[in-house]
Amino acid sequence: MHVRQGTRAIVSLALVILAACGPKTEDVPTLRSGKGPQAEPTAVVDTLDDEAKVMAFTQCLRDQGIEVLDPVVDADGNVQKPEPAEGIEVSKEQWIAAMETCDEMIEGVTWTKKRVDRSAQVDHWYQIATCLNEKGYDVGEPTAESIDLWLGDLKAQLDWDNPDVMRVWEECNENMSNQTGKK
């Protein structure tokens, strides 16, 4: 299965390169029709998979003078949006002009969010939960799967207007800061 996806990605990338670098005649399809920076994408882009579309989009942004990093594809084949290169500033006008030229290339692309390592976040909240539980507040324990729900329950569960709750909360947070060396 992975070999098929890899082969598809290579073929798609080859099509993008061939289409982008091929001769500029009316008989040969290219990623853009016409000439100059305001050229429009053609139907060739419609036949590409998400990864190839995003690569073409990335190159189009670069052609418009916006430096972006190569898009990331995770192990499941999900494509992330290309991010601006570090230290690069783009004006609103530059971005709008580039998007007018390039946005059709990513029509229909399914974006995924970056996968965040939540282990540090879970560890932090687990220690806070342990402290609160030890001080008599039954708040349960968060897990990687339940952290968002747990945080919502925590906010609803505690009486934040109660000075005793606030005192315990501050103690638990201070203990946490002392353990990690943060203030």
Protein backbone atom coordinates (compact mmCIF):
# COMPACT_ATOMS: atom_id res chain seq x y z
CA MET A 1 0.00 0.00 0.00
CA HIS A 2 2.81 2.43 0.92
CA VAL A 3 4.65 1.62 -2.31
CA ARG A 4 1.56 2.61 -4.33
CA GLN A 5 1.25 5.92 -2.47
CA GLY A 6 4.96 6.62 -2.91
CA THR A 7 4.80 5.78 -6.61
CA ARG A 8 1.72 7.98 -7.01
CA ALA A 9 3.47 10.85 -5.27
CA ILE A 10 6.57 10.48 -7.46
CA VAL A 11 4.49 10.35 -10.65
CA SER A 12 2.47 13.36 -9.51
CA LEU A 13 5.59 15.33 -8.67
CA ALA A 14 7.10 14.40 -12.03
CA LEU A 15 3.93 15.68 -13.74
CA VAL A 16 4.19 18.95 -11.83
CA ILE A 17 7.83 19.37 -12.80
CA LEU A 18 7.18 18.46 -16.43
CA ALA A 19 4.16 20.73 -16.60
CA ALA A 20 6.00 23.61 -14.97
CA CYS A 21 9.21 23.23 -16.98
CA GLY A 22 7.78 22.13 -20.29
CA PRO A 23 7.56 24.24 -23.41
CA LYS A 24 5.30 27.28 -23.31
CA THR A 25 3.11 26.49 -26.29
CA GLU A 26 -0.65 26.49 -26.55
CA ASP A 27 -0.65 22.75 -27.41
CA VAL A 28 1.12 21.60 -24.23
CA PRO A 29 -0.68 21.89 -20.89
CA THR A 30 1.21 23.79 -18.20
CA LEU A 31 0.50 24.63 -14.58
CA ARG A 32 -0.21 28.18 -15.69
CA SER A 33 -1.64 29.51 -18.90
CA GLY A 34 -0.58 32.84 -20.24
CA LYS A 35 2.57 34.69 -19.32
CA GLY A 36 3.87 36.64 -16.37
CA PRO A 37 3.05 36.60 -12.66
CA GLN A 38 -0.70 36.94 -13.17
CA ALA A 39 -0.97 33.68 -15.14
CA GLU A 40 -3.84 31.36 -14.18
CA PRO A 41 -3.58 27.64 -13.25
CA THR A 42 -5.04 25.24 -15.81
CA ALA A 43 -6.88 21.94 -15.64
CA VAL A 44 -3.59 20.04 -15.23
CA VAL A 45 -3.62 20.96 -11.53
CA ASP A 46 -7.07 19.39 -11.17
CA THR A 47 -5.63 15.94 -11.95
CA LEU A 48 -2.94 16.08 -9.25
CA ASP A 49 -3.18 14.68 -5.74
CA ASP A 50 -3.05 16.93 -2.65
CA GLU A 51 0.71 16.64 -2.20
CA ALA A 52 1.46 17.58 -5.81
CA LYS A 53 -1.05 20.45 -5.67
CA VAL A 54 0.59 21.85 -2.54
CA MET A 55 4.05 21.52 -4.08
CA ALA A 56 2.84 23.42 -7.16
CA PHE A 57 1.22 26.02 -4.87
CA THR A 58 4.47 26.36 -2.92
CA GLN A 59 6.44 26.93 -6.11
CA CYS A 60 3.86 29.45 -7.31
CA LEU A 61 4.23 31.40 -4.05
CA ARG A 62 7.99 31.38 -4.51
CA ASP A 63 7.55 32.57 -8.10
CA GLN A 64 5.56 35.49 -6.66
CA GLY A 65 8.47 36.39 -4.36
CA ILE A 66 7.14 34.82 -1.16
CA GLU A 67 9.70 32.51 0.43
CA VAL A 68 8.02 29.51 2.01
CA LEU A 69 9.36 26.23 3.35
CA ASP A 70 8.55 22.98 1.59
CA PRO A 71 5.24 21.59 2.85
CA VAL A 72 5.39 18.71 5.31
CA VAL A 73 3.72 15.38 4.57
CA ASP A 74 3.20 13.19 7.64
CA ALA A 75 3.48 9.39 7.76
CA ASP A 76 -0.21 9.05 6.88
CA GLY A 77 0.19 11.15 3.72
CA ASN A 78 -1.53 14.22 5.19
CA VAL A 79 -0.21 17.47 3.76
CA GLN A 80 0.48 20.51 5.96
CA LYS A 81 0.26 24.08 4.69
CA PRO A 82 3.62 25.51 3.63
CA GLU A 83 4.93 27.95 6.22
CA PRO A 84 6.84 31.19 5.58
CA ALA A 85 10.61 30.84 5.77
CA GLU A 86 12.10 32.05 9.04
CA GLY A 87 12.63 35.79 9.25
CA ILE A 88 10.69 36.54 6.06
CA GLU A 89 8.20 39.39 6.18
CA VAL A 90 5.41 39.56 3.63
CA SER A 91 3.13 42.56 3.27
CA LYS A 92 -0.61 42.10 3.11
CA GLU A 93 -0.57 43.38 -0.48
CA GLN A 94 2.12 40.85 -1.52
CA TRP A 95 0.18 38.02 0.09
CA ILE A 96 -3.12 39.02 -1.56
CA ALA A 97 -1.48 39.30 -4.99
CA ALA A 98 0.21 35.91 -4.60
CA MET A 99 -3.02 34.26 -3.47
CA GLU A 100 -4.92 35.72 -6.43
CA THR A 101 -2.40 34.00 -8.68
CA CYS A 102 -1.87 30.75 -6.78
CA ASP A 103 -4.97 29.88 -4.76
CA GLU A 104 -6.70 27.88 -7.50
CA MET A 105 -3.82 25.40 -7.36
CA ILE A 106 -4.94 24.22 -3.94
CA GLU A 107 -8.66 24.02 -4.61
CA GLY A 108 -10.04 20.89 -3.00
CA VAL A 109 -6.92 20.18 -0.92
CA THR A 110 -7.70 18.68 2.47
CA TRP A 111 -5.48 20.29 5.07
CA THR A 112 -4.55 18.69 8.36
CA LYS A 113 -3.40 20.32 11.52
CA LYS A 114 0.12 19.83 12.73
CA ARG A 115 0.36 16.99 15.13
CA VAL A 116 1.44 18.39 18.44
CA ASP A 117 3.31 16.32 21.00
CA ARG A 118 0.94 16.66 23.90
CA SER A 119 3.01 14.63 26.36
CA ALA A 120 4.48 17.73 28.07
CA GLN A 121 1.03 19.30 28.30
CA VAL A 122 -0.46 16.09 29.74
CA ASP A 123 2.43 15.78 32.23
CA HIS A 124 1.90 19.38 33.37
CA TRP A 125 -1.84 18.97 33.91
CA TYR A 126 -1.42 15.52 35.46
CA GLN A 127 0.83 17.02 38.14
CA ILE A 128 -1.64 19.84 38.77
CA ALA A 129 -4.48 17.29 38.97
CA THR A 130 -2.48 15.15 41.41
CA CYS A 131 -1.91 18.18 43.63
CA LEU A 132 -5.58 19.20 43.52
CA ASN A 133 -6.70 15.62 44.26
CA GLU A 134 -4.30 15.45 47.24
CA LYS A 135 -5.79 18.69 48.58
CA GLY A 136 -9.31 17.23 48.51
CA TYR A 137 -10.59 18.37 45.11
CA ASP A 138 -11.67 15.34 43.10
CA VAL A 139 -10.74 16.48 39.59
CA GLY A 140 -9.71 13.12 38.13
CA GLU A 141 -6.62 12.72 35.95
CA PRO A 142 -6.08 13.89 32.38
CA THR A 143 -4.78 11.59 29.65
CA ALA A 144 -3.59 12.39 26.14
CA GLU A 145 -6.97 11.28 24.83
CA SER A 146 -9.05 13.19 27.39
CA ILE A 147 -7.05 16.35 28.06
CA ASP A 148 -9.38 18.75 26.23
CA LEU A 149 -12.48 17.32 27.89
CA TRP A 150 -10.69 17.19 31.26
CA LEU A 151 -9.69 20.87 31.04
CA GLY A 152 -13.28 21.84 30.22
CA ASP A 153 -14.53 19.80 33.18
CA LEU A 154 -11.89 21.35 35.45
CA LYS A 155 -13.04 24.85 34.56
CA ALA A 156 -16.66 23.94 35.25
CA GLN A 157 -15.96 21.81 38.33
CA LEU A 158 -14.11 24.30 40.51
CA ASP A 159 -15.68 27.38 42.07
CA TRP A 160 -13.20 29.97 40.87
CA ASP A 161 -14.84 32.69 43.00
CA ASN A 162 -14.05 30.74 46.19
CA PRO A 163 -10.87 32.10 47.85
CA ASP A 164 -9.98 28.60 49.15
CA VAL A 165 -10.08 27.19 45.62
CA MET A 166 -7.90 30.02 44.37
CA ARG A 167 -5.42 29.51 47.22
CA VAL A 168 -5.13 25.76 46.47
CA TRP A 169 -4.88 26.47 42.74
CA GLU A 170 -2.02 28.91 43.32
CA GLU A 171 -0.26 26.43 45.65
CA CYS A 172 -0.49 23.65 43.07
CA ASN A 173 0.77 25.93 40.32
CA GLU A 174 3.60 27.20 42.55
CA ASN A 175 4.57 23.61 43.41
CA MET A 176 4.57 22.83 39.72
CA SER A 177 6.78 25.85 38.99
CA ASN A 178 9.21 24.89 41.75
CA GLN A 179 9.46 21.32 40.42
CA THR A 180 10.20 22.44 36.88
CA GLY A 181 12.37 25.40 37.86
CA LYS A 182 9.96 27.92 36.31
CA LYS A 183 8.59 30.97 38.08
